[in-house]
């Protein structure tokens, strides 16, 4: 079984942080406060035997905090391959198969909290 984090693209007229909030709501039915940019993940299919398909992707991972009163659950219209919603303890990330295999990087970020600046032109 593969586990994945809520994710998706940015829609027209939407900021990246708005997209993070929307995807968390759509895929796990939770409200989140979007914190700092934690890290960036790149999947280059030509360098990885196309193990996740042919599309080159760049993913921005943000630290998020679940807002109180918000409980994760399966959405009414889940993604086609989604079978559930489950919190996994940081200490157990090595025991599961994440899509993509970034469990160690998530654990490392949680320990060291080394952030990357997100520079948004509209805020300059």
Foldseek 3Di string as FASTA:
>chain_A
DEDEDQDDDADPPGDPQRRVQVSCCQAFVFGKDWDFFQDKDWDCCVVVVCPVHHDTDIDTDTDIDTDPPTGTWGDPDHDPPDDIDDDDDLVCLVVHCYVPNCSVVVNVCVVPVDGDDDDDPVVD
